[in-house]
């Protein structure tokens, strides 16, 4: 009897997503948007469960209670995540007043793309 080795293929989120961006959602929150070109890629990520509150909290060094549940928009093939900023926008300790450079940690989230 031959044993078949199962190899899981992991793909970085940036390889599947068309747009990954961030922006302020008011002075005290950051919103992350992940948009996909195809419904197949979107559904793969949605069903995979790779985007979680705990993972976002760890990536952005915030407590899980400061991260809202990801919002999945099937019609837009997109995911929106909002979390509390550690410092308010425009304060003396803020290094990204528009929140436009906070998307980078999302890019390397690994998505299991093994279909079997």
Protein backbone atom coordinates (compact mmCIF):
# COMPACT_ATOMS: atom_id res chain seq x y z
CA UNK A 1 0.00 0.00 0.00
CA UNK A 2 1.41 3.34 -1.03
CA UNK A 3 1.15 6.22 1.44
CA UNK A 4 0.26 9.51 -0.17
CA UNK A 5 2.01 12.47 1.41
CA UNK A 6 -0.24 15.47 1.90
CA UNK A 7 1.53 18.75 1.33
CA UNK A 8 -0.25 21.92 2.31
CA UNK A 9 0.39 24.92 0.11
CA UNK A 10 0.63 28.19 1.93
CA UNK A 11 0.22 31.41 -0.02
CA UNK A 12 0.79 34.94 1.25
CA UNK A 13 -2.30 37.15 1.35
CA UNK A 14 -0.70 39.72 -0.96
CA UNK A 15 -0.50 37.03 -3.67
CA UNK A 16 -4.27 36.52 -3.57
CA UNK A 17 -5.56 40.04 -2.89
CA UNK A 18 -5.85 42.75 -5.51
CA UNK A 19 -5.79 45.62 -3.00
CA UNK A 20 -4.62 45.72 0.61
CA UNK A 21 -4.92 49.17 2.16
CA UNK A 22 -5.39 51.01 5.42
CA UNK A 23 -6.85 54.35 6.45
CA UNK A 24 -8.14 56.23 9.43
CA UNK A 25 -11.63 55.47 10.60
CA UNK A 26 -11.74 58.64 12.66
CA UNK A 27 -8.89 59.83 14.89
CA UNK A 28 -8.95 56.76 17.15
CA UNK A 29 -9.33 53.83 14.75
CA UNK A 30 -7.64 52.24 11.73
CA UNK A 31 -9.58 50.42 9.02
CA UNK A 32 -7.95 47.71 6.92
CA UNK A 33 -9.43 46.78 3.54
CA UNK A 34 -8.65 43.63 1.58
CA UNK A 35 -10.17 43.46 -1.90
CA UNK A 36 -9.98 40.57 -4.36
CA UNK A 37 -10.23 40.45 -8.16
CA UNK A 38 -12.14 37.21 -8.18
CA UNK A 39 -14.86 35.64 -6.08
CA UNK A 40 -12.83 32.41 -5.96
CA UNK A 41 -9.88 34.05 -4.22
CA UNK A 42 -12.19 35.95 -1.87
CA UNK A 43 -14.16 32.81 -0.92
CA UNK A 44 -10.93 30.86 -0.39
CA UNK A 45 -9.76 33.41 2.19
CA UNK A 46 -13.21 33.81 3.76
CA UNK A 47 -13.76 30.07 4.22
CA UNK A 48 -10.17 29.46 5.26
CA UNK A 49 -10.52 31.36 8.55
CA UNK A 50 -7.05 32.90 8.31
CA UNK A 51 -8.23 36.42 9.14
CA UNK A 52 -9.12 36.42 12.85
CA UNK A 53 -9.39 38.96 15.65
CA UNK A 54 -6.53 37.27 17.50
CA UNK A 55 -4.26 37.28 14.45
CA UNK A 56 -4.95 40.98 13.77
CA UNK A 57 -4.40 41.84 17.44
CA UNK A 58 -1.04 40.05 17.39
CA UNK A 59 0.04 41.64 14.09
CA UNK A 60 -0.76 45.15 15.33
CA UNK A 61 0.24 44.69 19.00
CA UNK A 62 -3.20 45.57 20.36
CA UNK A 63 -5.49 43.71 22.73
CA UNK A 64 -8.05 41.48 20.99
CA UNK A 65 -10.88 43.48 22.53
CA UNK A 66 -9.68 46.51 20.51
CA UNK A 67 -10.21 44.65 17.22
CA UNK A 68 -13.67 44.42 15.63
CA UNK A 69 -14.72 41.18 13.97
CA UNK A 70 -13.78 41.12 10.28
CA UNK A 71 -16.67 42.17 8.03
CA UNK A 72 -16.99 40.10 4.87
CA UNK A 73 -18.72 41.68 1.86
CA UNK A 74 -19.60 38.99 -0.65
CA UNK A 75 -20.89 41.49 -3.23
CA UNK A 76 -17.63 43.48 -3.12
CA UNK A 77 -15.33 40.46 -2.68
CA UNK A 78 -13.75 42.31 0.22
CA UNK A 79 -12.92 42.16 3.90
CA UNK A 80 -12.92 45.13 6.29
CA UNK A 81 -11.26 45.09 9.70
CA UNK A 82 -11.26 47.98 12.16
CA UNK A 83 -9.19 48.30 15.32
CA UNK A 84 -8.39 50.97 17.88
CA UNK A 85 -5.24 52.99 17.34
CA UNK A 86 -2.66 52.91 20.14
CA UNK A 87 -2.25 56.70 19.81
CA UNK A 88 -4.70 59.14 18.26
CA UNK A 89 -4.15 60.47 14.78
CA UNK A 90 -2.10 63.67 14.79
CA UNK A 91 -0.86 63.32 18.35
CA UNK A 92 2.82 63.93 19.06
CA UNK A 93 3.51 60.16 19.13
CA UNK A 94 1.65 59.37 15.90
CA UNK A 95 3.91 58.29 13.04
CA UNK A 96 1.18 57.84 10.40
CA UNK A 97 -1.37 60.63 10.68
CA UNK A 98 -3.58 59.27 7.86
CA UNK A 99 -3.25 55.61 8.82
CA UNK A 100 -2.32 54.93 5.21
CA UNK A 101 0.78 52.84 5.92
CA UNK A 102 -0.65 50.34 8.37
CA UNK A 103 -1.55 47.63 5.86
CA UNK A 104 1.93 46.10 5.53
CA UNK A 105 1.59 43.48 8.32
CA UNK A 106 -1.45 42.00 6.54
CA UNK A 107 0.52 41.23 3.42
CA UNK A 108 2.36 38.26 4.93
CA UNK A 109 -0.62 36.45 6.48
CA UNK A 110 -0.40 32.89 5.23
CA UNK A 111 -3.45 31.36 3.59
CA UNK A 112 -3.74 27.59 3.17
CA UNK A 113 -4.56 27.10 -0.51
CA UNK A 114 -4.42 23.31 -0.51
CA UNK A 115 -7.62 22.09 -2.10
CA UNK A 116 -7.66 18.51 -0.89
